């Protein structure tokens, strides 16, 4: 079972995507491939740097943390880049 911290993380992103990533948002982003406004909100939440170690300004997220967020991104078909290499 998930820890309380993991449950809170999952709930936060589930709420974020269920309220801000509607099917209309996904459809509107089809042509460009992503929704800039949605991405900017994710950036403000720290989602784009969560995998970085804390010494580099990230959150030092674990694989479980990242998996929970990835599940919520996939569940909503969020039209945003999340992790780039």
PDB file of N, CA and C in Angstrom:
ATOM      1  N   UNK A   1       0.837  -1.184   0.000  1.00  0.00           N
ATOM      2  CA  UNK A   1       0.000   0.000   0.000  1.00  0.00           C
ATOM      3  C   UNK A   1       0.881   1.246   0.000  1.00  0.00           C
ATOM      4  N   UNK A   2       0.314   2.342  -0.423  1.00  0.00           N
ATOM      5  CA  UNK A   2       1.056   3.596  -0.524  1.00  0.00           C
ATOM      6  C   UNK A   2       1.140   4.307   0.823  1.00  0.00           C
ATOM      7  N   UNK A   3       2.247   4.997   1.030  1.00  0.00           N
ATOM      8  CA  UNK A   3       2.391   5.806   2.240  1.00  0.00           C
ATOM      9  C   UNK A   3       1.434   7.000   2.158  1.00  0.00           C
ATOM     10  N   UNK A   4       1.264   7.667   3.278  1.00  0.00           N
ATOM     11  CA  UNK A   4       0.405   8.859   3.288  1.00  0.00           C
ATOM     12  C   UNK A   4       0.951   9.933   2.351  1.00  0.00           C
ATOM     13  N   UNK A   5       2.271  10.085   2.314  1.00  0.00           N
ATOM     14  CA  UNK A   5       2.880  11.071   1.412  1.00  0.00           C
ATOM     15  C   UNK A   5       2.598  10.727  -0.044  1.00  0.00           C
ATOM     16  N   UNK A   6       2.707   9.439  -0.379  1.00  0.00           N
ATOM     17  CA  UNK A   6       2.434   9.017  -1.757  1.00  0.00           C
ATOM     18  C   UNK A   6       0.955   9.203  -2.102  1.00  0.00           C
ATOM     19  N   UNK A   7       0.089   8.906  -1.164  1.00  0.00           N
ATOM     20  CA  UNK A   7      -1.340   9.100  -1.404  1.00  0.00           C
ATOM     21  C   UNK A   7      -1.652  10.580  -1.626  1.00  0.00           C
ATOM     22  N   UNK A   8      -1.009  11.447  -0.855  1.00  0.00           N
ATOM     23  CA  UNK A   8      -1.227  12.892  -1.000  1.00  0.00           C
ATOM     24  C   UNK A   8      -0.706  13.386  -2.349  1.00  0.00           C
ATOM     25  N   UNK A   9       0.454  12.896  -2.759  1.00  0.00           N
ATOM     26  CA  UNK A   9       1.018  13.271  -4.058  1.00  0.00           C
ATOM     27  C   UNK A   9       0.087  12.837  -5.182  1.00  0.00           C
ATOM     28  N   UNK A  10      -0.358  11.600  -5.115  1.00  0.00           N
ATOM     29  CA  UNK A  10      -1.259  11.070  -6.138  1.00  0.00           C
ATOM     30  C   UNK A  10      -2.560  11.872  -6.177  1.00  0.00           C
ATOM     31  N   UNK A  11      -3.111  12.167  -5.023  1.00  0.00           N
ATOM     32  CA  UNK A  11      -4.368  12.925  -4.956  1.00  0.00           C
ATOM     33  C   UNK A  11      -4.200  14.331  -5.529  1.00  0.00           C
ATOM     34  N   UNK A  12      -3.068  14.963  -5.252  1.00  0.00           N
ATOM     35  CA  UNK A  12      -2.831  16.322  -5.752  1.00  0.00           C
ATOM     36  C   UNK A  12      -2.795  16.349  -7.274  1.00  0.00           C
ATOM     37  N   UNK A  13      -2.100  15.385  -7.872  1.00  0.00           N
ATOM     38  CA  UNK A  13      -2.012  15.369  -9.334  1.00  0.00           C
ATOM     39  C   UNK A  13      -3.301  14.856  -9.972  1.00  0.00           C
ATOM     40  N   UNK A  14      -3.977  13.957  -9.306  1.00  0.00           N
ATOM     41  CA  UNK A  14      -5.271  13.500  -9.826  1.00  0.00           C
ATOM     42  C   UNK A  14      -6.248  14.668  -9.862  1.00  0.00           C
ATOM     43  N   UNK A  15      -6.276  15.444  -8.793  1.00  0.00           N
ATOM     44  CA  UNK A  15      -7.148  16.620  -8.735  1.00  0.00           C
ATOM     45  C   UNK A  15      -6.743  17.645  -9.794  1.00  0.00           C
ATOM     46  N   UNK A  16      -5.448  17.892  -9.906  1.00  0.00           N
ATOM     47  CA  UNK A  16      -4.951  18.854 -10.889  1.00  0.00           C
ATOM     48  C   UNK A  16      -5.404  18.475 -12.289  1.00  0.00           C
ATOM     49  N   UNK A  17      -5.153  17.233 -12.691  1.00  0.00           N
ATOM     50  CA  UNK A  17      -5.482  16.828 -14.053  1.00  0.00           C
ATOM     51  C   UNK A  17      -6.979  16.673 -14.280  1.00  0.00           C
ATOM     52  N   UNK A  18      -7.712  16.247 -13.269  1.00  0.00           N
ATOM     53  CA  UNK A  18      -9.156  16.086 -13.473  1.00  0.00           C
ATOM     54  C   UNK A  18      -9.861  17.432 -13.616  1.00  0.00           C
ATOM     55  N   UNK A  19      -9.310  18.478 -13.005  1.00  0.00           N
ATOM     56  CA  UNK A  19      -9.946  19.789 -13.111  1.00  0.00           C
ATOM     57  C   UNK A  19      -9.382  20.652 -14.237  1.00  0.00           C
ATOM     58  N   UNK A  20      -8.119  20.446 -14.590  1.00  0.00           N
ATOM     59  CA  UNK A  20      -7.485  21.324 -15.585  1.00  0.00           C
ATOM     60  C   UNK A  20      -7.206  20.657 -16.922  1.00  0.00           C
ATOM     61  N   UNK A  21      -7.438  19.379 -17.014  1.00  0.00           N
ATOM     62  CA  UNK A  21      -7.124  18.669 -18.254  1.00  0.00           C
ATOM     63  C   UNK A  21      -8.360  17.909 -18.731  1.00  0.00           C
ATOM     64  N   UNK A  22      -9.341  18.656 -19.145  1.00  0.00           N
ATOM     65  CA  UNK A  22     -10.576  18.056 -19.633  1.00  0.00           C
ATOM     66  C   UNK A  22     -10.374  17.536 -21.050  1.00  0.00           C
ATOM     67  N   UNK A  23     -11.331  16.798 -21.542  1.00  0.00           N
ATOM     68  CA  UNK A  23     -11.247  16.292 -22.911  1.00  0.00           C
ATOM     69  C   UNK A  23     -11.162  17.454 -23.899  1.00  0.00           C
ATOM     70  N   UNK A  24     -11.802  18.566 -23.584  1.00  0.00           N
ATOM     71  CA  UNK A  24     -11.715  19.746 -24.450  1.00  0.00           C
ATOM     72  C   UNK A  24     -10.286  20.296 -24.496  1.00  0.00           C
ATOM     73  N   UNK A  25      -9.590  20.269 -23.359  1.00  0.00           N
ATOM     74  CA  UNK A  25      -8.194  20.705 -23.314  1.00  0.00           C
ATOM     75  C   UNK A  25      -7.333  19.818 -24.195  1.00  0.00           C
ATOM     76  N   UNK A  26      -7.553  18.516 -24.094  1.00  0.00           N
ATOM     77  CA  UNK A  26      -6.786  17.556 -24.893  1.00  0.00           C
ATOM     78  C   UNK A  26      -7.048  17.780 -26.377  1.00  0.00           C
ATOM     79  N   UNK A  27      -8.304  17.911 -26.739  1.00  0.00           N
ATOM     80  CA  UNK A  27      -8.650  18.121 -28.153  1.00  0.00           C
ATOM     81  C   UNK A  27      -8.068  19.427 -28.690  1.00  0.00           C
ATOM     82  N   UNK A  28      -8.120  20.479 -27.901  1.00  0.00           N
ATOM     83  CA  UNK A  28      -7.607  21.777 -28.343  1.00  0.00           C
ATOM     84  C   UNK A  28      -6.098  21.744 -28.571  1.00  0.00           C
ATOM     85  N   UNK A  29      -5.406  20.854 -27.889  1.00  0.00           N
ATOM     86  CA  UNK A  29      -3.947  20.773 -28.007  1.00  0.00           C
ATOM     87  C   UNK A  29      -3.487  19.806 -29.088  1.00  0.00           C
ATOM     88  N   UNK A  30      -4.408  19.139 -29.760  1.00  0.00           N
ATOM     89  CA  UNK A  30      -4.027  18.135 -30.751  1.00  0.00           C
ATOM     90  C   UNK A  30      -3.120  18.696 -31.838  1.00  0.00           C
ATOM     91  N   UNK A  31      -3.434  19.867 -32.344  1.00  0.00           N
ATOM     92  CA  UNK A  31      -2.657  20.420 -33.450  1.00  0.00           C
ATOM     93  C   UNK A  31      -1.225  20.766 -33.044  1.00  0.00           C
ATOM     94  N   UNK A  32      -1.065  21.423 -31.908  1.00  0.00           N
ATOM     95  CA  UNK A  32       0.276  21.839 -31.478  1.00  0.00           C
ATOM     96  C   UNK A  32       1.024  20.738 -30.736  1.00  0.00           C
ATOM     97  N   UNK A  33       0.295  19.780 -30.179  1.00  0.00           N
ATOM     98  CA  UNK A  33       0.934  18.688 -29.456  1.00  0.00           C
ATOM     99  C   UNK A  33       1.028  18.884 -27.955  1.00  0.00           C
ATOM    100  N   UNK A  34       0.820  20.123 -27.495  1.00  0.00           N
ATOM    101  CA  UNK A  34       0.803  20.327 -26.049  1.00  0.00           C
ATOM    102  C   UNK A  34       0.103  21.631 -25.701  1.00  0.00           C
ATOM    103  N   UNK A  35      -0.303  21.730 -24.449  1.00  0.00           N
ATOM    104  CA  UNK A  35      -1.008  22.903 -23.946  1.00  0.00           C
ATOM    105  C   UNK A  35      -0.033  23.716 -23.089  1.00  0.00           C
ATOM    106  N   UNK A  36       0.378  24.868 -23.601  1.00  0.00           N
ATOM    107  CA  UNK A  36       1.389  25.683 -22.921  1.00  0.00           C
ATOM    108  C   UNK A  36       0.932  26.136 -21.540  1.00  0.00           C
ATOM    109  N   UNK A  37      -0.304  26.546 -21.419  1.00  0.00           N
ATOM    110  CA  UNK A  37      -0.818  27.014 -20.137  1.00  0.00           C
ATOM    111  C   UNK A  37      -0.814  25.895 -19.087  1.00  0.00           C
ATOM    112  N   UNK A  38      -1.195  24.704 -19.500  1.00  0.00           N
ATOM    113  CA  UNK A  38      -1.181  23.555 -18.592  1.00  0.00           C
ATOM    114  C   UNK A  38       0.250  23.243 -18.174  1.00  0.00           C
ATOM    115  N   UNK A  39       1.169  23.281 -19.133  1.00  0.00           N
ATOM    116  CA  UNK A  39       2.573  23.017 -18.826  1.00  0.00           C
ATOM    117  C   UNK A  39       3.112  24.050 -17.843  1.00  0.00           C
ATOM    118  N   UNK A  40       2.752  25.316 -18.028  1.00  0.00           N
ATOM    119  CA  UNK A  40       3.220  26.366 -17.122  1.00  0.00           C
ATOM    120  C   UNK A  40       2.714  26.131 -15.702  1.00  0.00           C
ATOM    121  N   UNK A  41       1.502  25.635 -15.576  1.00  0.00           N
ATOM    122  CA  UNK A  41       0.962  25.316 -14.240  1.00  0.00           C
ATOM    123  C   UNK A  41       1.736  24.160 -13.613  1.00  0.00           C
ATOM    124  N   UNK A  42       2.055  23.147 -14.431  1.00  0.00           N
ATOM    125  CA  UNK A  42       2.849  22.020 -13.928  1.00  0.00           C
ATOM    126  C   UNK A  42       4.229  22.492 -13.489  1.00  0.00           C
ATOM    127  N   UNK A  43       4.816  23.382 -14.272  1.00  0.00           N
ATOM    128  CA  UNK A  43       6.118  23.940 -13.927  1.00  0.00           C
ATOM    129  C   UNK A  43       6.038  24.651 -12.576  1.00  0.00           C
ATOM    130  N   UNK A  44       4.997  25.446 -12.379  1.00  0.00           N
ATOM    131  CA  UNK A  44       4.817  26.176 -11.123  1.00  0.00           C
ATOM    132  C   UNK A  44       4.645  25.233  -9.933  1.00  0.00           C
ATOM    133  N   UNK A  45       4.072  24.048 -10.183  1.00  0.00           N
ATOM    134  CA  UNK A  45       3.891  23.052  -9.125  1.00  0.00           C
ATOM    135  C   UNK A  45       5.187  22.307  -8.807  1.00  0.00           C
ATOM    136  N   UNK A  46       6.199  22.450  -9.671  1.00  0.00           N
ATOM    137  CA  UNK A  46       7.454  21.739  -9.465  1.00  0.00           C
ATOM    138  C   UNK A  46       7.511  20.387 -10.143  1.00  0.00           C
ATOM    139  N   UNK A  47       6.505  20.064 -10.948  1.00  0.00           N
ATOM    140  CA  UNK A  47       6.446  18.743 -11.581  1.00  0.00           C
ATOM    141  C   UNK A  47       7.596  18.504 -12.547  1.00  0.00           C
ATOM    142  N   UNK A  48       8.035  19.553 -13.220  1.00  0.00           N
ATOM    143  CA  UNK A  48       9.057  19.373 -14.252  1.00  0.00           C
ATOM    144  C   UNK A  48      10.457  19.189 -13.686  1.00  0.00           C
ATOM    145  N   UNK A  49      10.645  19.514 -12.423  1.00  0.00           N
ATOM    146  CA  UNK A  49      11.961  19.347 -11.802  1.00  0.00           C
ATOM    147  C   UNK A  49      11.945  18.362 -10.642  1.00  0.00           C
ATOM    148  N   UNK A  50      10.836  17.686 -10.436  1.00  0.00           N
ATOM    149  CA  UNK A  50      10.730  16.820  -9.266  1.00  0.00           C
ATOM    150  C   UNK A  50      11.725  15.666  -9.269  1.00  0.00           C
ATOM    151  N   UNK A  51      12.173  15.236 -10.445  1.00  0.00           N
ATOM    152  CA  UNK A  51      13.105  14.113 -10.520  1.00  0.00           C
ATOM    153  C   UNK A  51      14.552  14.529 -10.258  1.00  0.00           C
ATOM    154  N   UNK A  52      14.817  15.825 -10.284  1.00  0.00           N
ATOM    155  CA  UNK A  52      16.180  16.296 -10.031  1.00  0.00           C
ATOM    156  C   UNK A  52      16.529  16.164  -8.553  1.00  0.00           C
ATOM    157  N   UNK A  53      17.795  15.890  -8.265  1.00  0.00           N
ATOM    158  CA  UNK A  53      18.219  15.881  -6.861  1.00  0.00           C
ATOM    159  C   UNK A  53      18.016  17.264  -6.238  1.00  0.00           C
ATOM    160  N   UNK A  54      17.815  17.296  -4.951  1.00  0.00           N
ATOM    161  CA  UNK A  54      17.596  18.561  -4.251  1.00  0.00           C
ATOM    162  C   UNK A  54      18.779  19.508  -4.418  1.00  0.00           C
ATOM    163  N   UNK A  55      19.993  18.972  -4.530  1.00  0.00           N
ATOM    164  CA  UNK A  55      21.182  19.812  -4.688  1.00  0.00           C
ATOM    165  C   UNK A  55      21.171  20.586  -6.000  1.00  0.00           C
ATOM    166  N   UNK A  56      20.348  20.148  -6.955  1.00  0.00           N
ATOM    167  CA  UNK A  56      20.228  20.833  -8.241  1.00  0.00           C
ATOM    168  C   UNK A  56      18.891  21.558  -8.385  1.00  0.00           C
ATOM    169  N   UNK A  57      18.205  21.774  -7.273  1.00  0.00           N
ATOM    170  CA  UNK A  57      16.963  22.533  -7.294  1.00  0.00           C
ATOM    171  C   UNK A  57      15.703  21.714  -7.488  1.00  0.00           C
ATOM    172  N   UNK A  58      15.832  20.399  -7.471  1.00  0.00           N
ATOM    173  CA  UNK A  58      14.665  19.540  -7.634  1.00  0.00           C
ATOM    174  C   UNK A  58      14.115  19.082  -6.302  1.00  0.00           C
ATOM    175  N   UNK A  59      13.217  18.119  -6.373  1.00  0.00           N
ATOM    176  CA  UNK A  59      12.606  17.573  -5.164  1.00  0.00           C
ATOM    177  C   UNK A  59      13.204  16.240  -4.754  1.00  0.00           C
ATOM    178  N   UNK A  60      14.078  15.679  -5.585  1.00  0.00           N
ATOM    179  CA  UNK A  60      14.651  14.377  -5.264  1.00  0.00           C
ATOM    180  C   UNK A  60      13.603  13.280  -5.240  1.00  0.00           C
ATOM    181  N   UNK A  61      12.648  13.354  -6.149  1.00  0.00           N
ATOM    182  CA  UNK A  61      11.542  12.391  -6.185  1.00  0.00           C
ATOM    183  C   UNK A  61      12.048  10.967  -6.389  1.00  0.00           C
ATOM    184  N   UNK A  62      11.324  10.036  -5.817  1.00  0.00           N
ATOM    185  CA  UNK A  62      11.649   8.619  -5.974  1.00  0.00           C
ATOM    186  C   UNK A  62      10.957   8.075  -7.218  1.00  0.00           C
ATOM    187  N   UNK A  63      11.316   6.862  -7.581  1.00  0.00           N
ATOM    188  CA  UNK A  63      10.669   6.214  -8.717  1.00  0.00           C
ATOM    189  C   UNK A  63       9.172   6.048  -8.467  1.00  0.00           C
ATOM    190  N   UNK A  64       8.796   5.772  -7.239  1.00  0.00           N
ATOM    191  CA  UNK A  64       7.369   5.648  -6.907  1.00  0.00           C
ATOM    192  C   UNK A  64       6.669   6.990  -7.115  1.00  0.00           C
ATOM    193  N   UNK A  65       7.283   8.077  -6.656  1.00  0.00           N
ATOM    194  CA  UNK A  65       6.708   9.413  -6.863  1.00  0.00           C
ATOM    195  C   UNK A  65       6.463   9.663  -8.348  1.00  0.00           C
ATOM    196  N   UNK A  66       7.488   9.411  -9.144  1.00  0.00           N
ATOM    197  CA  UNK A  66       7.398   9.665 -10.581  1.00  0.00           C
ATOM    198  C   UNK A  66       6.351   8.781 -11.246  1.00  0.00           C
ATOM    199  N   UNK A  67       6.268   7.540 -10.808  1.00  0.00           N
ATOM    200  CA  UNK A  67       5.280   6.618 -11.369  1.00  0.00           C
ATOM    201  C   UNK A  67       3.865   7.084 -11.065  1.00  0.00           C
ATOM    202  N   UNK A  68       3.630   7.549  -9.863  1.00  0.00           N
ATOM    203  CA  UNK A  68       2.293   8.026  -9.495  1.00  0.00           C
ATOM    204  C   UNK A  68       1.882   9.225 -10.340  1.00  0.00           C
ATOM    205  N   UNK A  69       2.811  10.143 -10.571  1.00  0.00           N
ATOM    206  CA  UNK A  69       2.504  11.307 -11.406  1.00  0.00           C
ATOM    207  C   UNK A  69       2.289  10.865 -12.851  1.00  0.00           C
ATOM    208  N   UNK A  70       3.143   9.971 -13.340  1.00  0.00           N
ATOM    209  CA  UNK A  70       2.994   9.473 -14.716  1.00  0.00           C
ATOM    210  C   UNK A  70       1.641   8.798 -14.915  1.00  0.00           C
ATOM    211  N   UNK A  71       1.182   8.060 -13.927  1.00  0.00           N
ATOM    212  CA  UNK A  71      -0.139   7.422 -14.023  1.00  0.00           C
ATOM    213  C   UNK A  71      -1.234   8.465 -14.182  1.00  0.00           C
ATOM    214  N   UNK A  72      -1.142   9.545 -13.442  1.00  0.00           N
ATOM    215  CA  UNK A  72      -2.174  10.581 -13.530  1.00  0.00           C
ATOM    216  C   UNK A  72      -2.093  11.339 -14.852  1.00  0.00           C
ATOM    217  N   UNK A  73      -0.886  11.558 -15.353  1.00  0.00           N
ATOM    218  CA  UNK A  73      -0.734  12.180 -16.670  1.00  0.00           C
ATOM    219  C   UNK A  73      -1.371  11.282 -17.725  1.00  0.00           C
ATOM    220  N   UNK A  74      -1.086   9.999 -17.659  1.00  0.00           N
ATOM    221  CA  UNK A  74      -1.652   9.057 -18.621  1.00  0.00           C
ATOM    222  C   UNK A  74      -3.154   8.913 -18.504  1.00  0.00           C
ATOM    223  N   UNK A  75      -3.645   8.901 -17.286  1.00  0.00           N
ATOM    224  CA  UNK A  75      -5.089   8.751 -17.071  1.00  0.00           C
ATOM    225  C   UNK A  75      -5.863   9.886 -17.736  1.00  0.00           C
ATOM    226  N   UNK A  76      -5.286  11.076 -17.715  1.00  0.00           N
ATOM    227  CA  UNK A  76      -5.984  12.236 -18.273  1.00  0.00           C
ATOM    228  C   UNK A  76      -5.596  12.531 -19.718  1.00  0.00           C
ATOM    229  N   UNK A  77      -4.649  11.776 -20.257  1.00  0.00           N
ATOM    230  CA  UNK A  77      -4.128  12.030 -21.608  1.00  0.00           C
ATOM    231  C   UNK A  77      -3.607  13.456 -21.721  1.00  0.00           C
ATOM    232  N   UNK A  78      -2.963  13.924 -20.673  1.00  0.00           N
ATOM    233  CA  UNK A  78      -2.489  15.305 -20.606  1.00  0.00           C
ATOM    234  C   UNK A  78      -1.565  15.647 -21.767  1.00  0.00           C
ATOM    235  N   UNK A  79      -1.901  16.697 -22.500  1.00  0.00           N
ATOM    236  CA  UNK A  79      -1.088  17.106 -23.638  1.00  0.00           C
ATOM    237  C   UNK A  79       0.058  18.029 -23.217  1.00  0.00           C
ATOM    238  N   UNK A  80       0.967  17.485 -22.401  1.00  0.00           N
ATOM    239  CA  UNK A  80       2.088  18.281 -21.917  1.00  0.00           C
ATOM    240  C   UNK A  80       3.360  17.444 -21.895  1.00  0.00           C
ATOM    241  N   UNK A  81       4.503  18.096 -22.153  1.00  0.00           N
ATOM    242  CA  UNK A  81       5.762  17.400 -21.899  1.00  0.00           C
ATOM    243  C   UNK A  81       5.964  17.375 -20.391  1.00  0.00           C
ATOM    244  N   UNK A  82       6.580  16.349 -19.890  1.00  0.00           N
ATOM    245  CA  UNK A  82       6.777  16.279 -18.445  1.00  0.00           C
ATOM    246  C   UNK A  82       8.252  16.117 -18.134  1.00  0.00           C
ATOM    247  N   UNK A  83       8.842  15.070 -18.630  1.00  0.00           N
ATOM    248  CA  UNK A  83      10.264  14.827 -18.418  1.00  0.00           C
ATOM    249  C   UNK A  83      10.921  14.763 -19.779  1.00  0.00           C
ATOM    250  N   UNK A  84      11.979  15.504 -19.940  1.00  0.00           N
ATOM    251  CA  UNK A  84      12.715  15.523 -21.201  1.00  0.00           C
ATOM    252  C   UNK A  84      14.124  15.040 -20.918  1.00  0.00           C
ATOM    253  N   UNK A  85      14.760  14.540 -21.919  1.00  0.00           N
ATOM    254  CA  UNK A  85      16.142  14.080 -21.728  1.00  0.00           C
ATOM    255  C   UNK A  85      17.096  14.838 -22.597  1.00  0.00           C
TER     256      UNK A  85
END
